[in-house]
Amino acid sequence: MQKFPRLGIDTAPSGIPAWRTLPAHYLITAQDRALPPATQHELAARMGAETAEWPTGHGPMYSRPKDLAHYLDTIARNQATNDKR
């Protein structure tokens, strides 16, 4: 039987999640068959995330790479603008 080395990552506390102190965004993929949209909505709500919903599957980075790049760029630019205030 193969045994995996213990790295300690399963027992070490990870600290406060960034989404608790930073603005959070969640892209809901409405045609996702790996993570149901209802679950995605629930996760986004728990994070207090601003959401966008696209009619795409689990991998928008493959199906809509330019749209995703624009979406992420817009978030980053808006955050940069807000940080300057």
C-alpha atoms as a PDB file:
ATOM      1  CA  MET A   1       0.000   0.000   0.000  1.00  0.00           C
ATOM      2  CA  GLN A   2       1.328   3.400  -0.949  1.00  0.00           C
ATOM      3  CA  LYS A   3       1.598   5.926   1.846  1.00  0.00           C
ATOM      4  CA  PHE A   4       1.704   9.652   1.234  1.00  0.00           C
ATOM      5  CA  PRO A   5       4.148  11.820   3.162  1.00  0.00           C
ATOM      6  CA  ARG A   6       2.633  14.102   5.762  1.00  0.00           C
ATOM      7  CA  LEU A   7       3.373  17.679   4.848  1.00  0.00           C
ATOM      8  CA  GLY A   8       1.373  19.267   7.638  1.00  0.00           C
ATOM      9  CA  ILE A   9      -0.794  21.234   5.233  1.00  0.00           C
ATOM     10  CA  ASP A  10      -3.875  19.362   6.368  1.00  0.00           C
ATOM     11  CA  THR A  11      -3.444  20.429   9.995  1.00  0.00           C
ATOM     12  CA  ALA A  12      -1.886  23.886   9.800  1.00  0.00           C
ATOM     13  CA  PRO A  13      -4.355  26.776  10.102  1.00  0.00           C
ATOM     14  CA  SER A  14      -4.572  28.764   6.891  1.00  0.00           C
ATOM     15  CA  GLY A  15      -5.451  32.095   8.449  1.00  0.00           C
ATOM     16  CA  ILE A  16      -8.224  34.533   7.624  1.00  0.00           C
ATOM     17  CA  PRO A  17      -9.574  34.131   4.076  1.00  0.00           C
ATOM     18  CA  ALA A  18      -8.869  37.149   1.882  1.00  0.00           C
ATOM     19  CA  TRP A  19     -12.519  37.417   0.863  1.00  0.00           C
ATOM     20  CA  ARG A  20     -13.396  38.421   4.422  1.00  0.00           C
ATOM     21  CA  THR A  21     -11.416  41.642   4.199  1.00  0.00           C
ATOM     22  CA  LEU A  22     -11.150  42.364   0.463  1.00  0.00           C
ATOM     23  CA  PRO A  23     -13.838  42.942  -2.161  1.00  0.00           C
ATOM     24  CA  ALA A  24     -14.922  39.599  -3.597  1.00  0.00           C
ATOM     25  CA  HIS A  25     -16.285  38.737  -7.021  1.00  0.00           C
ATOM     26  CA  TYR A  26     -17.802  35.463  -8.189  1.00  0.00           C
ATOM     27  CA  LEU A  27     -18.463  34.491 -11.775  1.00  0.00           C
ATOM     28  CA  ILE A  28     -21.414  32.113 -11.796  1.00  0.00           C
ATOM     29  CA  THR A  29     -21.283  29.663 -14.676  1.00  0.00           C
ATOM     30  CA  ALA A  30     -24.918  28.842 -15.377  1.00  0.00           C
ATOM     31  CA  GLN A  31     -24.262  25.750 -17.508  1.00  0.00           C
ATOM     32  CA  ASP A  32     -21.764  24.241 -15.075  1.00  0.00           C
ATOM     33  CA  ARG A  33     -22.257  20.507 -14.615  1.00  0.00           C
ATOM     34  CA  ALA A  34     -19.463  20.167 -12.036  1.00  0.00           C
ATOM     35  CA  LEU A  35     -20.678  22.793  -9.562  1.00  0.00           C
ATOM     36  CA  PRO A  36     -24.402  23.530  -9.798  1.00  0.00           C
ATOM     37  CA  PRO A  37     -25.338  27.206 -10.224  1.00  0.00           C
ATOM     38  CA  ALA A  38     -27.467  27.060  -7.054  1.00  0.00           C
ATOM     39  CA  THR A  39     -24.368  26.078  -5.086  1.00  0.00           C
ATOM     40  CA  GLN A  40     -22.362  28.830  -6.748  1.00  0.00           C
ATOM     41  CA  HIS A  41     -25.007  31.386  -5.733  1.00  0.00           C
ATOM     42  CA  GLU A  42     -24.857  30.081  -2.166  1.00  0.00           C
ATOM     43  CA  LEU A  43     -21.060  30.311  -2.052  1.00  0.00           C
ATOM     44  CA  ALA A  44     -21.102  33.828  -3.499  1.00  0.00           C
ATOM     45  CA  ALA A  45     -23.691  34.925  -0.943  1.00  0.00           C
ATOM     46  CA  ARG A  46     -21.625  33.496   1.923  1.00  0.00           C
ATOM     47  CA  MET A  47     -18.650  35.500   0.662  1.00  0.00           C
ATOM     48  CA  GLY A  48     -20.687  38.652   0.176  1.00  0.00           C
ATOM     49  CA  ALA A  49     -19.376  38.644  -3.376  1.00  0.00           C
ATOM     50  CA  GLU A  50     -20.499  40.771  -6.263  1.00  0.00           C
ATOM     51  CA  THR A  51     -21.692  38.322  -8.899  1.00  0.00           C
ATOM     52  CA  ALA A  52     -21.911  38.052 -12.638  1.00  0.00           C
ATOM     53  CA  GLU A  53     -23.599  35.130 -14.352  1.00  0.00           C
ATOM     54  CA  TRP A  54     -22.656  33.778 -17.753  1.00  0.00           C
ATOM     55  CA  PRO A  55     -24.316  31.046 -19.833  1.00  0.00           C
ATOM     56  CA  THR A  56     -21.171  28.914 -19.905  1.00  0.00           C
ATOM     57  CA  GLY A  57     -19.792  25.760 -18.376  1.00  0.00           C
ATOM     58  CA  HIS A  58     -17.171  25.146 -15.694  1.00  0.00           C
ATOM     59  CA  GLY A  59     -14.253  26.437 -17.773  1.00  0.00           C
ATOM     60  CA  PRO A  60     -14.908  29.983 -19.029  1.00  0.00           C
ATOM     61  CA  MET A  61     -11.157  30.367 -19.417  1.00  0.00           C
ATOM     62  CA  TYR A  62     -11.425  27.870 -22.291  1.00  0.00           C
ATOM     63  CA  SER A  63     -14.815  28.730 -23.761  1.00  0.00           C
ATOM     64  CA  ARG A  64     -14.689  32.533 -23.383  1.00  0.00           C
ATOM     65  CA  PRO A  65     -11.089  33.558 -22.703  1.00  0.00           C
ATOM     66  CA  LYS A  66     -11.357  37.086 -24.108  1.00  0.00           C
ATOM     67  CA  ASP A  67     -14.577  37.785 -22.215  1.00  0.00           C
ATOM     68  CA  LEU A  68     -13.028  36.453 -19.023  1.00  0.00           C
ATOM     69  CA  ALA A  69      -9.900  38.550 -19.495  1.00  0.00           C
ATOM     70  CA  HIS A  70     -12.058  41.647 -19.993  1.00  0.00           C
ATOM     71  CA  TYR A  71     -14.170  40.792 -16.925  1.00  0.00           C
ATOM     72  CA  LEU A  72     -11.091  40.348 -14.720  1.00  0.00           C
ATOM     73  CA  ASP A  73      -9.419  43.451 -16.142  1.00  0.00           C
ATOM     74  CA  THR A  74     -12.518  45.521 -15.380  1.00  0.00           C
ATOM     75  CA  ILE A  75     -12.571  44.261 -11.789  1.00  0.00           C
ATOM     76  CA  ALA A  76      -8.869  45.036 -11.357  1.00  0.00           C
ATOM     77  CA  ARG A  77      -9.176  48.522 -12.859  1.00  0.00           C
ATOM     78  CA  ASN A  78     -12.200  49.351 -10.697  1.00  0.00           C
ATOM     79  CA  GLN A  79     -10.362  48.150  -7.603  1.00  0.00           C
ATOM     80  CA  ALA A  80      -7.296  50.201  -8.510  1.00  0.00           C
ATOM     81  CA  THR A  81      -9.493  53.281  -8.933  1.00  0.00           C
ATOM     82  CA  ASN A  82     -11.179  52.660  -5.569  1.00  0.00           C
ATOM     83  CA  ASP A  83      -7.802  52.139  -3.868  1.00  0.00           C
ATOM     84  CA  LYS A  84      -6.645  55.592  -5.021  1.00  0.00           C
ATOM     85  CA  ARG A  85      -9.547  57.280  -3.256  1.00  0.00           C
END
